[in-house]
Amino acid sequence: MPSVIPPKTDCHIASANYSGGILNFTYTLTYNDDGKISKLVYDGLSAYVKTFTYSGNMIYINLNGIHSATDTITLNSAGLMVTHKETTDTSVYNTTFTYDANEQVVSSTTQQDTLTPVTTNYTFTNGDLTNTSVSGMRDTTVYSLDKPAVIGNLDDFDQLIYYGASYYTNKHLKQSFSSWPYHYTFTYSYDEDGKITSVASNDGTAIETFNFNYECK
């Protein structure tokens, strides 16, 4: 009898293609020997390349393209973001994150240059980030409690390509997101190993899709 080949579980997103309206672009990701993202190539409008360097609890990010930026990120003992400093062509942004005893983010405060700091507050339900509120504006996310947040979920992917780290995770997949006057619903496709191969968001007038390709060991 032929032996049973177990599914590959040590997988990383190698590329992600976005399509929506007239836009079509791809993120291509490279990883270091520790499995951390080391390079990101974006080929869309205002194309850029990001490089990620790690040292202890620090992450250093350089963005090179039409615009440039440098980021310095500090992580806590749980590997979550504590501070984030972003220096662009025109401004410096400093963000600090606070967490509760369960390592769930409670708030983040960002100051641009010498302007008044802006604080975002976060609310979790059943291990999922259901609400964020800032300056009196509040959004709401509903999750599919029967769908775990496996690799390819947008929240983890967005934090990966922006920071190389995270300040929150969810247990389940987004079903819908509402921030007045917008409302989006999400649908997912999977491969035979249960990884997400595509995420489509629909606001009632247009559909935007991310398609993921993986490299596995």
N, C-alpha and C. Protein backbone atom coordinates (compact mmCIF):
# COMPACT_ATOMS: atom_id res chain seq x y z
N MET A 1 0.84 -1.19 0.00
CA MET A 1 0.00 0.00 0.00
C MET A 1 0.88 1.24 0.00
N PRO A 2 0.48 2.28 -0.75
CA PRO A 2 1.26 3.52 -0.72
C PRO A 2 1.14 4.19 0.63
N SER A 3 2.24 4.81 1.08
CA SER A 3 2.22 5.48 2.37
C SER A 3 1.41 6.76 2.29
N VAL A 4 0.84 7.13 3.42
CA VAL A 4 0.05 8.36 3.49
C VAL A 4 0.99 9.54 3.68
N ILE A 5 0.90 10.53 2.82
CA ILE A 5 1.75 11.71 2.90
C ILE A 5 1.02 12.77 3.71
N PRO A 6 1.57 13.17 4.87
CA PRO A 6 0.88 14.18 5.68
C PRO A 6 0.91 15.53 4.99
N PRO A 7 -0.11 16.35 5.22
CA PRO A 7 -0.12 17.68 4.60
C PRO A 7 1.03 18.54 5.12
N LYS A 8 1.52 19.42 4.27
CA LYS A 8 2.59 20.33 4.66
C LYS A 8 2.01 21.44 5.52
N THR A 9 2.59 21.61 6.70
CA THR A 9 2.03 22.60 7.63
C THR A 9 2.96 23.78 7.86
N ASP A 10 4.26 23.62 7.54
CA ASP A 10 5.21 24.72 7.72
C ASP A 10 5.19 25.55 6.45
N CYS A 11 4.23 26.45 6.37
CA CYS A 11 3.99 27.19 5.14
C CYS A 11 4.04 28.69 5.38
N HIS A 12 4.46 29.41 4.35
CA HIS A 12 4.47 30.86 4.36
C HIS A 12 3.79 31.37 3.09
N ILE A 13 3.19 32.54 3.18
CA ILE A 13 2.63 33.18 1.99
C ILE A 13 3.79 33.67 1.13
N ALA A 14 3.89 33.16 -0.10
CA ALA A 14 4.97 33.55 -1.01
C ALA A 14 4.57 34.76 -1.84
N SER A 15 3.30 34.87 -2.18
CA SER A 15 2.83 36.02 -2.94
C SER A 15 1.34 36.19 -2.72
N ALA A 16 0.90 37.42 -2.90
CA ALA A 16 -0.52 37.74 -2.77
C ALA A 16 -0.89 38.71 -3.89
N ASN A 17 -1.85 38.32 -4.71
CA ASN A 17 -2.29 39.16 -5.82
C ASN A 17 -3.62 39.81 -5.48
N TYR A 18 -3.69 41.12 -5.64
CA TYR A 18 -4.93 41.88 -5.41
C TYR A 18 -5.55 42.25 -6.74
N SER A 19 -6.86 42.08 -6.84
CA SER A 19 -7.60 42.55 -8.00
C SER A 19 -8.90 43.18 -7.54
N GLY A 20 -9.18 44.36 -8.08
CA GLY A 20 -10.40 45.08 -7.74
C GLY A 20 -10.52 46.32 -8.60
N GLY A 21 -11.59 46.38 -9.40
CA GLY A 21 -11.75 47.52 -10.29
C GLY A 21 -10.63 47.57 -11.31
N ILE A 22 -9.98 48.72 -11.43
CA ILE A 22 -8.89 48.86 -12.39
C ILE A 22 -7.55 48.48 -11.77
N LEU A 23 -7.53 48.15 -10.47
CA LEU A 23 -6.28 47.85 -9.79
C LEU A 23 -5.96 46.36 -9.85
N ASN A 24 -4.69 46.08 -10.10
CA ASN A 24 -4.21 44.70 -10.06
C ASN A 24 -2.73 44.75 -9.72
N PHE A 25 -2.37 44.22 -8.56
CA PHE A 25 -0.97 44.26 -8.16
C PHE A 25 -0.65 43.04 -7.31
N THR A 26 0.65 42.84 -7.08
CA THR A 26 1.12 41.66 -6.36
C THR A 26 2.14 42.04 -5.30
N TYR A 27 2.01 41.43 -4.13
CA TYR A 27 3.05 41.45 -3.12
C TYR A 27 3.82 40.13 -3.22
N THR A 28 5.16 40.22 -3.28
CA THR A 28 6.00 39.03 -3.27
C THR A 28 6.83 39.05 -1.99
N LEU A 29 6.78 37.96 -1.24
CA LEU A 29 7.40 37.91 0.09
C LEU A 29 8.57 36.93 0.12
N THR A 30 9.63 37.32 0.82
CA THR A 30 10.79 36.47 1.05
C THR A 30 11.01 36.37 2.55
N TYR A 31 11.50 35.20 3.01
CA TYR A 31 11.68 34.95 4.44
C TYR A 31 13.12 34.57 4.73
N ASN A 32 13.55 34.84 5.99
CA ASN A 32 14.90 34.45 6.40
C ASN A 32 14.89 33.03 6.96
N ASP A 33 16.06 32.58 7.43
CA ASP A 33 16.17 31.20 7.91
C ASP A 33 15.34 30.94 9.16
N ASP A 34 14.94 32.00 9.86
CA ASP A 34 14.11 31.85 11.05
C ASP A 34 12.61 31.86 10.72
N GLY A 35 12.29 31.98 9.43
CA GLY A 35 10.90 31.99 9.01
C GLY A 35 10.24 33.35 9.14
N LYS A 36 11.02 34.40 9.37
CA LYS A 36 10.48 35.75 9.47
C LYS A 36 10.59 36.45 8.13
N ILE A 37 9.64 37.32 7.84
CA ILE A 37 9.68 38.03 6.58
C ILE A 37 10.94 38.90 6.52
N SER A 38 11.64 38.83 5.40
CA SER A 38 12.86 39.61 5.23
C SER A 38 12.76 40.63 4.09
N LYS A 39 11.85 40.38 3.14
CA LYS A 39 11.74 41.30 2.01
C LYS A 39 10.32 41.25 1.46
N LEU A 40 9.82 42.40 1.07
CA LEU A 40 8.50 42.51 0.46
C LEU A 40 8.63 43.38 -0.79
N VAL A 41 8.17 42.86 -1.92
CA VAL A 41 8.19 43.62 -3.18
C VAL A 41 6.75 43.88 -3.60
N TYR A 42 6.42 45.15 -3.78
CA TYR A 42 5.09 45.57 -4.23
C TYR A 42 5.23 46.17 -5.62
N ASP A 43 4.46 45.66 -6.59
CA ASP A 43 4.64 46.07 -7.98
C ASP A 43 3.51 46.95 -8.51
N GLY A 44 2.70 47.51 -7.64
CA GLY A 44 1.60 48.36 -8.07
C GLY A 44 2.02 49.81 -8.26
N LEU A 45 1.03 50.71 -8.25
CA LEU A 45 1.30 52.13 -8.35
C LEU A 45 2.22 52.55 -7.19
N SER A 46 3.17 53.43 -7.48
CA SER A 46 4.16 53.84 -6.47
C SER A 46 4.86 52.61 -5.89
N ALA A 47 5.36 51.76 -6.79
CA ALA A 47 5.99 50.50 -6.39
C ALA A 47 7.11 50.72 -5.39
N TYR A 48 7.31 49.72 -4.51
CA TYR A 48 8.35 49.84 -3.51
C TYR A 48 8.88 48.47 -3.11
N VAL A 49 10.01 48.50 -2.40
CA VAL A 49 10.60 47.31 -1.80
C VAL A 49 10.81 47.58 -0.32
N LYS A 50 10.38 46.66 0.52
CA LYS A 50 10.60 46.75 1.96
C LYS A 50 11.58 45.67 2.38
N THR A 51 12.53 46.03 3.24
CA THR A 51 13.42 45.04 3.84
C THR A 51 13.25 45.06 5.35
N PHE A 52 13.29 43.89 5.96
CA PHE A 52 13.07 43.72 7.40
C PHE A 52 14.34 43.13 8.02
N THR A 53 14.82 43.76 9.09
CA THR A 53 15.99 43.29 9.81
C THR A 53 15.62 43.11 11.28
N TYR A 54 16.12 42.03 11.91
CA TYR A 54 15.75 41.70 13.27
C TYR A 54 16.98 41.67 14.17
N SER A 55 16.82 42.19 15.37
CA SER A 55 17.90 42.16 16.37
C SER A 55 17.27 42.13 17.75
N GLY A 56 17.33 40.97 18.41
CA GLY A 56 16.70 40.85 19.72
C GLY A 56 15.21 41.12 19.63
N ASN A 57 14.73 42.07 20.42
CA ASN A 57 13.31 42.41 20.41
C ASN A 57 13.01 43.60 19.50
N MET A 58 13.91 43.89 18.56
CA MET A 58 13.75 45.03 17.66
C MET A 58 13.57 44.56 16.22
N ILE A 59 12.75 45.30 15.48
CA ILE A 59 12.59 45.11 14.05
C ILE A 59 12.87 46.44 13.36
N TYR A 60 13.70 46.41 12.32
CA TYR A 60 14.02 47.61 11.55
C TYR A 60 13.54 47.39 10.11
N ILE A 61 12.77 48.35 9.61
CA ILE A 61 12.18 48.22 8.28
C ILE A 61 12.60 49.42 7.44
N ASN A 62 13.04 49.14 6.23
CA ASN A 62 13.36 50.20 5.27
C ASN A 62 12.48 50.05 4.04
N LEU A 63 11.84 51.14 3.65
CA LEU A 63 11.01 51.16 2.45
C LEU A 63 11.68 52.05 1.42
N ASN A 64 11.89 51.49 0.22
CA ASN A 64 12.51 52.24 -0.86
C ASN A 64 11.62 52.19 -2.09
N GLY A 65 11.32 53.36 -2.62
CA GLY A 65 10.48 53.49 -3.80
C GLY A 65 10.38 54.94 -4.17
N ILE A 66 9.25 55.33 -4.76
CA ILE A 66 9.02 56.74 -5.04
C ILE A 66 9.05 57.54 -3.74
N HIS A 67 8.46 56.94 -2.70
CA HIS A 67 8.55 57.50 -1.36
C HIS A 67 9.41 56.56 -0.51
N SER A 68 10.04 57.08 0.51
CA SER A 68 10.86 56.25 1.38
C SER A 68 10.39 56.42 2.83
N ALA A 69 10.71 55.42 3.64
CA ALA A 69 10.36 55.47 5.06
C ALA A 69 11.23 54.47 5.80
N THR A 70 11.43 54.71 7.07
CA THR A 70 12.10 53.76 7.95
C THR A 70 11.22 53.54 9.18
N ASP A 71 11.19 52.31 9.65
CA ASP A 71 10.39 51.96 10.82
C ASP A 71 11.28 51.27 11.84
N THR A 72 11.04 51.58 13.11
CA THR A 72 11.69 50.87 14.21
C THR A 72 10.61 50.38 15.15
N ILE A 73 10.59 49.06 15.38
CA ILE A 73 9.54 48.43 16.18
C ILE A 73 10.18 47.72 17.36
N THR A 74 9.59 47.91 18.54
CA THR A 74 10.01 47.20 19.75
C THR A 74 8.93 46.19 20.13
N LEU A 75 9.35 44.96 20.47
CA LEU A 75 8.42 43.90 20.86
C LEU A 75 8.53 43.62 22.35
N ASN A 76 7.43 43.15 22.94
CA ASN A 76 7.49 42.73 24.34
C ASN A 76 7.88 41.26 24.42
N SER A 77 7.87 40.69 25.63
CA SER A 77 8.31 39.30 25.82
C SER A 77 7.40 38.30 25.13
N ALA A 78 6.16 38.70 24.80
CA ALA A 78 5.23 37.83 24.09
C ALA A 78 5.34 37.99 22.57
N GLY A 79 6.25 38.85 22.12
CA GLY A 79 6.43 39.07 20.70
C GLY A 79 5.44 40.04 20.09
N LEU A 80 4.72 40.78 20.92
CA LEU A 80 3.76 41.76 20.44
C LEU A 80 4.39 43.14 20.39
N MET A 81 3.87 43.98 19.51
CA MET A 81 4.43 45.32 19.33
C MET A 81 4.16 46.20 20.54
N VAL A 82 5.20 46.89 21.02
CA VAL A 82 5.06 47.83 22.12
C VAL A 82 5.19 49.26 21.62
N THR A 83 6.17 49.50 20.76
CA THR A 83 6.33 50.82 20.16
C THR A 83 6.61 50.67 18.67
N HIS A 84 6.20 51.69 17.94
CA HIS A 84 6.43 51.73 16.49
C HIS A 84 6.74 53.17 16.11
N LYS A 85 7.93 53.38 15.56
CA LYS A 85 8.33 54.70 15.08
C LYS A 85 8.48 54.64 13.58
N GLU A 86 7.73 55.46 12.87
CA GLU A 86 7.79 55.52 11.41
C GLU A 86 8.27 56.91 10.99
N THR A 87 9.34 56.94 10.22
CA THR A 87 9.88 58.20 9.71
C THR A 87 9.71 58.22 8.21
N THR A 88 8.90 59.16 7.70
CA THR A 88 8.65 59.30 6.27
C THR A 88 9.40 60.50 5.72
N ASP A 89 9.13 60.82 4.45
CA ASP A 89 9.77 61.98 3.83
C ASP A 89 9.38 63.28 4.52
N THR A 90 8.19 63.29 5.13
CA THR A 90 7.66 64.55 5.63
C THR A 90 7.34 64.57 7.12
N SER A 91 7.18 63.40 7.76
CA SER A 91 6.73 63.37 9.15
C SER A 91 7.33 62.20 9.91
N VAL A 92 7.21 62.28 11.24
CA VAL A 92 7.58 61.19 12.13
C VAL A 92 6.35 60.81 12.94
N TYR A 93 6.02 59.51 12.96
CA TYR A 93 4.88 59.00 13.70
C TYR A 93 5.38 58.06 14.79
N ASN A 94 4.96 58.30 16.03
CA ASN A 94 5.32 57.45 17.16
C ASN A 94 4.05 56.84 17.74
N THR A 95 4.02 55.51 17.82
CA THR A 95 2.85 54.79 18.34
C THR A 95 3.27 53.90 19.50
N THR A 96 2.47 53.90 20.55
CA THR A 96 2.67 52.99 21.68
C THR A 96 1.41 52.14 21.86
N PHE A 97 1.60 50.89 22.26
CA PHE A 97 0.51 49.94 22.44
C PHE A 97 0.45 49.51 23.90
N THR A 98 -0.77 49.36 24.43
CA THR A 98 -0.96 48.84 25.78
C THR A 98 -1.81 47.58 25.71
N TYR A 99 -1.53 46.65 26.64
CA TYR A 99 -2.18 45.34 26.63
C TYR A 99 -2.74 45.02 28.02
N ASP A 100 -3.73 44.12 28.04
CA ASP A 100 -4.25 43.67 29.33
C ASP A 100 -3.50 42.42 29.77
N ALA A 101 -3.96 41.81 30.86
CA ALA A 101 -3.25 40.66 31.42
C ALA A 101 -3.31 39.45 30.50
N ASN A 102 -4.26 39.43 29.55
CA ASN A 102 -4.39 38.32 28.61
C ASN A 102 -3.66 38.57 27.31
N GLU A 103 -2.81 39.62 27.28
CA GLU A 103 -2.04 39.99 26.09
C GLU A 103 -2.94 40.40 24.92
N GLN A 104 -4.11 40.94 25.24
CA GLN A 104 -4.96 41.53 24.20
C GLN A 104 -4.76 43.03 24.22
N VAL A 105 -4.61 43.61 23.03
CA VAL A 105 -4.36 45.04 22.96
C VAL A 105 -5.58 45.82 23.47
N VAL A 106 -5.34 46.81 24.29
CA VAL A 106 -6.40 47.64 24.86
C VAL A 106 -6.49 48.97 24.12
N SER A 107 -5.33 49.55 23.82
CA SER A 107 -5.32 50.83 23.13
C SER A 107 -3.98 51.04 22.44
N SER A 108 -3.99 51.96 21.48
CA SER A 108 -2.75 52.42 20.86
C SER A 108 -2.86 53.93 20.70
N THR A 109 -1.74 54.61 20.91
CA THR A 109 -1.72 56.07 20.81
C THR A 109 -0.64 56.47 19.83
N THR A 110 -1.04 57.26 18.82
CA THR A 110 -0.11 57.70 17.78
C THR A 110 0.01 59.22 17.79
N GLN A 111 1.25 59.69 17.74
CA GLN A 111 1.50 61.12 17.64
C GLN A 111 2.30 61.40 16.37
N GLN A 112 1.76 62.29 15.55
CA GLN A 112 2.47 62.75 14.36
C GLN A 112 3.20 64.04 14.68
N ASP A 113 4.53 63.99 14.59
CA ASP A 113 5.35 65.15 14.90
C ASP A 113 4.97 65.73 16.26
N THR A 114 4.58 67.00 16.31
CA THR A 114 4.20 67.61 17.58
C THR A 114 2.69 67.82 17.70
N LEU A 115 1.93 67.17 16.82
CA LEU A 115 0.48 67.31 16.86
C LEU A 115 -0.10 66.56 18.07
N THR A 116 -1.37 66.81 18.36
CA THR A 116 -2.04 66.15 19.48
C THR A 116 -2.11 64.64 19.24
N PRO A 117 -1.72 63.82 20.20
CA PRO A 117 -1.80 62.37 20.03
C PRO A 117 -3.24 61.90 19.83
N VAL A 118 -3.38 60.81 19.07
CA VAL A 118 -4.68 60.21 18.78
C VAL A 118 -4.68 58.79 19.32
N THR A 119 -5.72 58.46 20.11
CA THR A 119 -5.78 57.14 20.74
C THR A 119 -6.89 56.31 20.12
N THR A 120 -6.56 55.06 19.81
CA THR A 120 -7.53 54.08 19.34
C THR A 120 -7.76 53.06 20.43
N ASN A 121 -9.04 52.75 20.71
CA ASN A 121 -9.40 51.76 21.72
C ASN A 121 -9.93 50.50 21.05
N TYR A 122 -9.62 49.34 21.64
CA TYR A 122 -9.96 48.06 21.03
C TYR A 122 -10.82 47.23 21.97
N THR A 123 -11.83 46.55 21.41
CA THR A 123 -12.71 45.68 22.18
C THR A 123 -12.71 44.29 21.56
N PHE A 124 -12.49 43.26 22.40
CA PHE A 124 -12.48 41.87 21.94
C PHE A 124 -13.69 41.12 22.48
N THR A 125 -14.20 40.20 21.66
CA THR A 125 -15.29 39.31 22.06
C THR A 125 -14.97 37.91 21.55
N ASN A 126 -14.98 36.93 22.42
CA ASN A 126 -14.67 35.54 22.05
C ASN A 126 -13.31 35.42 21.37
N GLY A 127 -12.35 36.24 21.80
CA GLY A 127 -11.02 36.18 21.24
C GLY A 127 -10.86 36.88 19.91
N ASP A 128 -11.85 37.67 19.51
CA ASP A 128 -11.82 38.38 18.23
C ASP A 128 -11.96 39.88 18.45
N LEU A 129 -11.27 40.66 17.63
CA LEU A 129 -11.35 42.11 17.70
C LEU A 129 -12.64 42.56 17.03
N THR A 130 -13.65 42.89 17.84
CA THR A 130 -14.97 43.20 17.30
C THR A 130 -15.21 44.69 17.10
N ASN A 131 -14.50 45.54 17.85
CA ASN A 131 -14.72 46.99 17.72
C ASN A 131 -13.41 47.74 17.89
N THR A 132 -13.22 48.78 17.10
CA THR A 132 -12.21 49.79 17.37
C THR A 132 -12.90 51.14 17.35
N SER A 133 -12.42 52.04 18.18
CA SER A 133 -13.02 53.37 18.23
C SER A 133 -11.92 54.40 18.36
N VAL A 134 -12.06 55.50 17.61
CA VAL A 134 -11.09 56.58 17.63
C VAL A 134 -11.80 57.88 17.30
N SER A 135 -11.59 58.87 18.12
CA SER A 135 -12.16 60.21 17.91
C SER A 135 -13.65 60.16 17.67
N GLY A 136 -14.35 59.32 18.42
CA GLY A 136 -15.80 59.23 18.33
C GLY A 136 -16.31 58.35 17.20
N MET A 137 -15.42 57.84 16.34
CA MET A 137 -15.81 56.94 15.26
C MET A 137 -15.58 55.50 15.70
N ARG A 138 -16.54 54.63 15.41
CA ARG A 138 -16.48 53.25 15.87
C ARG A 138 -16.81 52.32 14.72
N ASP A 139 -16.01 51.26 14.57
CA ASP A 139 -16.33 50.25 13.57
C ASP A 139 -16.67 48.94 14.26
N THR A 140 -17.29 48.03 13.52
CA THR A 140 -17.73 46.76 14.08
C THR A 140 -17.39 45.64 13.12
N THR A 141 -16.80 44.56 13.64
CA THR A 141 -16.49 43.38 12.84
C THR A 141 -17.23 42.18 13.42
N VAL A 142 -17.88 41.43 12.54
CA VAL A 142 -18.57 40.19 12.92
C VAL A 142 -17.77 39.02 12.38
N TYR A 143 -17.66 37.94 13.17
CA TYR A 143 -16.83 36.80 12.80
C TYR A 143 -17.67 35.55 12.63
N SER A 144 -17.16 34.62 11.82
CA SER A 144 -17.78 33.31 11.67
C SER A 144 -17.17 32.38 12.70
N LEU A 145 -17.92 32.08 13.75
CA LEU A 145 -17.37 31.34 14.88
C LEU A 145 -17.05 29.89 14.52
N ASP A 146 -17.53 29.41 13.37
CA ASP A 146 -17.21 28.05 12.93
C ASP A 146 -16.02 28.02 11.98
N LYS A 147 -15.38 29.19 11.75
CA LYS A 147 -14.23 29.25 10.84
C LYS A 147 -13.02 29.80 11.57
N PRO A 148 -12.05 28.96 11.91
CA PRO A 148 -10.86 29.46 12.60
C PRO A 148 -10.02 30.35 11.68
N ALA A 149 -9.26 31.24 12.30
CA ALA A 149 -8.43 32.19 11.55
C ALA A 149 -7.14 31.52 11.11
N VAL A 150 -7.24 30.66 10.10
CA VAL A 150 -6.08 29.93 9.60
C VAL A 150 -5.21 30.86 8.75
N ILE A 151 -4.03 30.35 8.33
CA ILE A 151 -3.10 31.14 7.54
C ILE A 151 -3.79 31.66 6.27
N GLY A 152 -3.56 32.92 5.97
CA GLY A 152 -4.21 33.57 4.84
C GLY A 152 -5.28 34.55 5.26
N ASN A 153 -5.57 34.63 6.57
CA ASN A 153 -6.57 35.61 7.00
C ASN A 153 -5.97 37.01 6.87
N LEU A 154 -6.80 37.98 6.53
CA LEU A 154 -6.32 39.30 6.16
C LEU A 154 -5.70 40.06 7.31
N ASP A 155 -6.19 39.86 8.52
CA ASP A 155 -5.64 40.61 9.66
C ASP A 155 -4.17 40.25 9.88
N ASP A 156 -3.86 38.96 9.88
CA ASP A 156 -2.47 38.55 10.06
C ASP A 156 -1.61 38.98 8.88
N PHE A 157 -2.16 38.85 7.66
CA PHE A 157 -1.39 39.22 6.47
C PHE A 157 -1.07 40.71 6.46
N ASP A 158 -2.05 41.54 6.76
CA ASP A 158 -1.81 42.99 6.77
C ASP A 158 -0.72 43.37 7.77
N GLN A 159 -0.77 42.80 8.96
CA GLN A 159 0.24 43.12 9.96
C GLN A 159 1.61 42.60 9.55
N LEU A 160 1.64 41.44 8.89
CA LEU A 160 2.90 40.87 8.43
C LEU A 160 3.59 41.79 7.44
N ILE A 161 2.87 42.28 6.43
CA ILE A 161 3.53 43.08 5.39
C ILE A 161 3.80 44.51 5.85
N TYR A 162 3.07 45.00 6.83
CA TYR A 162 3.32 46.35 7.32
C TYR A 162 4.40 46.38 8.39
N TYR A 163 4.39 45.40 9.31
CA TYR A 163 5.24 45.47 10.49
C TYR A 163 6.21 44.30 10.64
N GLY A 164 5.95 43.17 10.02
CA GLY A 164 6.73 41.98 10.31
C GLY A 164 6.43 41.42 11.69
N ALA A 165 5.39 41.92 12.33
CA ALA A 165 4.97 41.52 13.68
C ALA A 165 3.50 41.86 13.82
N SER A 166 2.95 41.64 15.02
CA SER A 166 1.52 41.89 15.21
C SER A 166 1.28 42.53 16.57
N TYR A 167 0.13 43.17 16.70
CA TYR A 167 -0.31 43.67 17.99
C TYR A 167 -1.66 43.07 18.38
N TYR A 168 -2.22 42.23 17.53
CA TYR A 168 -3.42 41.48 17.89
C TYR A 168 -3.57 40.29 16.95
N THR A 169 -4.29 39.30 17.40
CA THR A 169 -4.69 38.16 16.57
C THR A 169 -6.15 37.86 16.85
N ASN A 170 -6.78 37.20 15.90
CA ASN A 170 -8.17 36.77 16.06
C ASN A 170 -8.25 35.25 16.02
N LYS A 171 -9.26 34.71 16.70
CA LYS A 171 -9.45 33.26 16.69
C LYS A 171 -10.26 32.81 15.48
N HIS A 172 -11.07 33.72 14.90
CA HIS A 172 -11.98 33.33 13.83
C HIS A 172 -11.82 34.26 12.63
N LEU A 173 -12.47 33.88 11.52
CA LEU A 173 -12.40 34.67 10.29
C LEU A 173 -13.49 35.73 10.26
N LYS A 174 -13.15 36.85 9.64
CA LYS A 174 -14.13 37.92 9.48
C LYS A 174 -15.29 37.46 8.60
N GLN A 175 -16.49 37.79 9.05
CA GLN A 175 -17.68 37.58 8.23
C GLN A 175 -18.11 38.90 7.60
N SER A 176 -18.04 39.99 8.39
CA SER A 176 -18.40 41.30 7.86
C SER A 176 -17.69 42.39 8.66
N PHE A 177 -17.55 43.54 8.02
CA PHE A 177 -16.94 44.71 8.65
C PHE A 177 -17.77 45.92 8.31
N SER A 178 -18.10 46.74 9.35
CA SER A 178 -18.93 47.92 9.15
C SER A 178 -18.26 49.14 9.75
N SER A 179 -18.14 50.18 8.95
CA SER A 179 -17.65 51.48 9.41
C SER A 179 -18.40 52.51 8.59
N TRP A 180 -19.37 53.16 9.20
CA TRP A 180 -20.31 54.01 8.48
C TRP A 180 -19.59 54.93 7.51
N PRO A 181 -20.05 55.00 6.24
CA PRO A 181 -21.23 54.36 5.65
C PRO A 181 -20.92 53.05 4.92
N TYR A 182 -19.80 52.42 5.26
CA TYR A 182 -19.36 51.25 4.50
C TYR A 182 -19.70 49.96 5.24
N HIS A 183 -20.00 48.91 4.45
CA HIS A 183 -20.26 47.59 5.00
C HIS A 183 -19.71 46.55 4.02
N TYR A 184 -18.81 45.70 4.50
CA TYR A 184 -18.18 44.70 3.67
C TYR A 184 -18.50 43.30 4.19
N THR A 185 -18.70 42.36 3.27
CA THR A 185 -18.82 40.95 3.63
C THR A 185 -17.67 40.18 2.98
N PHE A 186 -17.26 39.08 3.62
CA PHE A 186 -16.08 38.35 3.19
C PHE A 186 -16.42 36.90 2.88
N THR A 187 -15.84 36.38 1.81
CA THR A 187 -15.97 34.97 1.46
C THR A 187 -14.57 34.41 1.22
N TYR A 188 -14.40 33.09 1.46
CA TYR A 188 -13.08 32.47 1.46
C TYR A 188 -13.08 31.21 0.60
N SER A 189 -11.92 30.95 -0.01
CA SER A 189 -11.66 29.67 -0.68
C SER A 189 -10.42 29.05 -0.05
N TYR A 190 -10.37 27.72 -0.06
CA TYR A 190 -9.30 26.99 0.63
C TYR A 190 -8.68 25.96 -0.30
N ASP A 191 -7.43 25.56 0.05
CA ASP A 191 -6.83 24.43 -0.65
C ASP A 191 -7.08 23.16 0.15
N GLU A 192 -6.50 22.04 -0.31
CA GLU A 192 -6.78 20.75 0.33
C GLU A 192 -6.20 20.64 1.72
N ASP A 193 -5.25 21.52 2.07
CA ASP A 193 -4.67 21.51 3.41
C ASP A 193 -5.37 22.48 4.37
N GLY A 194 -6.38 23.19 3.87
CA GLY A 194 -7.12 24.12 4.72
C GLY A 194 -6.56 25.52 4.76
N LYS A 195 -5.55 25.81 3.93
CA LYS A 195 -5.03 27.17 3.87
C LYS A 195 -5.94 28.01 2.99
N ILE A 196 -6.06 29.29 3.32
CA ILE A 196 -6.89 30.19 2.53
C ILE A 196 -6.17 30.52 1.23
N THR A 197 -6.83 30.29 0.11
CA THR A 197 -6.25 30.63 -1.19
C THR A 197 -6.79 31.94 -1.74
N SER A 198 -7.97 32.35 -1.30
CA SER A 198 -8.49 33.65 -1.73
C SER A 198 -9.46 34.20 -0.70
N VAL A 199 -9.48 35.52 -0.60
CA VAL A 199 -10.43 36.26 0.23
C VAL A 199 -11.07 37.31 -0.64
N ALA A 200 -12.39 37.32 -0.70
CA ALA A 200 -13.11 38.31 -1.48
C ALA A 200 -13.95 39.17 -0.55
N SER A 201 -13.82 40.49 -0.67
CA SER A 201 -14.65 41.42 0.10
C SER A 201 -15.61 42.12 -0.85
N ASN A 202 -16.85 42.25 -0.40
CA ASN A 202 -17.92 42.80 -1.23
C ASN A 202 -18.62 43.90 -0.45
N ASP A 203 -18.63 45.11 -1.01
CA ASP A 203 -19.31 46.22 -0.33
C ASP A 203 -20.68 46.49 -0.92
N GLY A 204 -21.18 45.56 -1.74
CA GLY A 204 -22.49 45.72 -2.36
C GLY A 204 -22.44 46.32 -3.74
N THR A 205 -21.32 46.93 -4.10
CA THR A 205 -21.17 47.52 -5.44
C THR A 205 -19.95 46.97 -6.18
N ALA A 206 -18.94 46.52 -5.45
CA ALA A 206 -17.72 46.02 -6.08
C ALA A 206 -17.12 44.91 -5.23
N ILE A 207 -16.35 44.06 -5.88
CA ILE A 207 -15.68 42.96 -5.19
C ILE A 207 -14.17 43.14 -5.32
N GLU A 208 -13.48 43.03 -4.20
CA GLU A 208 -12.02 43.07 -4.17
C GLU A 208 -11.53 41.72 -3.68
N THR A 209 -10.47 41.20 -4.33
CA THR A 209 -10.02 39.84 -4.02
C THR A 209 -8.52 39.80 -3.82
N PHE A 210 -8.10 39.06 -2.79
CA PHE A 210 -6.71 38.69 -2.60
C PHE A 210 -6.59 37.19 -2.88
N ASN A 211 -5.63 36.83 -3.75
CA ASN A 211 -5.32 35.42 -4.02
C ASN A 211 -3.92 35.13 -3.49
N PHE A 212 -3.80 34.05 -2.69
CA PHE A 212 -2.53 33.74 -2.02
C PHE A 212 -1.89 32.49 -2.64
N ASN A 213 -0.56 32.58 -2.77
CA ASN A 213 0.26 31.42 -3.12
C ASN A 213 1.23 31.17 -1.98
N TYR A 214 1.52 29.88 -1.73
CA TYR A 214 2.31 29.49 -0.56
C TYR A 214 3.58 28.75 -0.97
N GLU A 215 4.58 28.83 -0.09
CA GLU A 215 5.72 27.95 -0.15
C GLU A 215 5.74 27.15 1.15
N CYS A 216 5.90 25.84 1.05
CA CYS A 216 5.81 24.96 2.21
C CYS A 216 7.01 24.05 2.29
N LYS A 217 7.31 23.63 3.50
CA LYS A 217 8.40 22.67 3.72
C LYS A 217 7.82 21.32 4.08
